[in-house]
């Protein structure tokens, strides 16, 4: 049985250590909070003037 070695990975945006899943958005490794913020910010905006 092989043991997996966890590397100390930090979010490239907020520098918090990532203990769970590592997300990637635009080639940048992010924590879940920064990933969700980036995905929401990248969504197209609807015009409120319609």
C-alpha atoms as a PDB file:
ATOM      1  CA  UNK A   1       0.000   0.000   0.000  1.00  0.00           C
ATOM      2  CA  UNK A   2       1.363   3.407  -0.959  1.00  0.00           C
ATOM      3  CA  UNK A   3       1.138   6.351   1.360  1.00  0.00           C
ATOM      4  CA  UNK A   4       0.154   9.600  -0.267  1.00  0.00           C
ATOM      5  CA  UNK A   5       2.252  12.549   0.786  1.00  0.00           C
ATOM      6  CA  UNK A   6       0.277  15.746   1.207  1.00  0.00           C
ATOM      7  CA  UNK A   7       2.153  18.844   0.179  1.00  0.00           C
ATOM      8  CA  UNK A   8       1.538  22.118   1.917  1.00  0.00           C
ATOM      9  CA  UNK A   9      -0.442  23.885  -0.773  1.00  0.00           C
ATOM     10  CA  UNK A  10      -1.429  27.507  -0.337  1.00  0.00           C
ATOM     11  CA  UNK A  11      -4.075  29.463  -2.202  1.00  0.00           C
ATOM     12  CA  UNK A  12      -2.344  31.643  -4.784  1.00  0.00           C
ATOM     13  CA  UNK A  13      -4.844  34.456  -4.172  1.00  0.00           C
ATOM     14  CA  UNK A  14      -5.257  34.704  -0.381  1.00  0.00           C
ATOM     15  CA  UNK A  15      -2.249  32.572   0.715  1.00  0.00           C
ATOM     16  CA  UNK A  16      -4.331  30.464   3.126  1.00  0.00           C
ATOM     17  CA  UNK A  17      -3.170  26.854   3.446  1.00  0.00           C
ATOM     18  CA  UNK A  18      -5.483  24.483   1.592  1.00  0.00           C
ATOM     19  CA  UNK A  19      -6.321  21.380   3.592  1.00  0.00           C
ATOM     20  CA  UNK A  20      -9.151  20.028   1.458  1.00  0.00           C
ATOM     21  CA  UNK A  21      -9.768  20.130  -2.262  1.00  0.00           C
ATOM     22  CA  UNK A  22      -7.597  22.336  -4.438  1.00  0.00           C
ATOM     23  CA  UNK A  23      -9.508  24.194  -7.147  1.00  0.00           C
ATOM     24  CA  UNK A  24      -8.000  25.636 -10.292  1.00  0.00           C
ATOM     25  CA  UNK A  25      -9.417  28.626 -12.143  1.00  0.00           C
ATOM     26  CA  UNK A  26      -7.571  30.354 -14.955  1.00  0.00           C
ATOM     27  CA  UNK A  27      -4.431  28.320 -14.251  1.00  0.00           C
ATOM     28  CA  UNK A  28      -4.282  29.479 -10.620  1.00  0.00           C
ATOM     29  CA  UNK A  29      -4.625  27.120  -7.649  1.00  0.00           C
ATOM     30  CA  UNK A  30      -7.284  28.439  -5.281  1.00  0.00           C
ATOM     31  CA  UNK A  31      -9.032  27.530  -2.039  1.00  0.00           C
ATOM     32  CA  UNK A  32     -12.777  26.913  -2.229  1.00  0.00           C
ATOM     33  CA  UNK A  33     -13.718  30.447  -1.093  1.00  0.00           C
ATOM     34  CA  UNK A  34     -11.526  32.199  -3.663  1.00  0.00           C
ATOM     35  CA  UNK A  35     -12.625  29.750  -6.381  1.00  0.00           C
ATOM     36  CA  UNK A  36     -16.316  30.448  -5.746  1.00  0.00           C
ATOM     37  CA  UNK A  37     -15.671  34.204  -5.723  1.00  0.00           C
ATOM     38  CA  UNK A  38     -13.768  33.960  -9.036  1.00  0.00           C
ATOM     39  CA  UNK A  39     -16.503  31.872 -10.684  1.00  0.00           C
ATOM     40  CA  UNK A  40     -19.235  34.281  -9.555  1.00  0.00           C
ATOM     41  CA  UNK A  41     -17.207  37.316 -10.671  1.00  0.00           C
ATOM     42  CA  UNK A  42     -16.627  35.775 -14.116  1.00  0.00           C
ATOM     43  CA  UNK A  43     -20.338  35.344 -14.863  1.00  0.00           C
ATOM     44  CA  UNK A  44     -21.748  37.756 -17.453  1.00  0.00           C
ATOM     45  CA  UNK A  45     -23.741  40.638 -16.006  1.00  0.00           C
ATOM     46  CA  UNK A  46     -27.326  41.271 -17.113  1.00  0.00           C
ATOM     47  CA  UNK A  47     -28.341  44.758 -18.050  1.00  0.00           C
ATOM     48  CA  UNK A  48     -30.693  46.245 -15.446  1.00  0.00           C
ATOM     49  CA  UNK A  49     -31.958  48.847 -17.927  1.00  0.00           C
ATOM     50  CA  UNK A  50     -34.041  46.420 -20.013  1.00  0.00           C
END
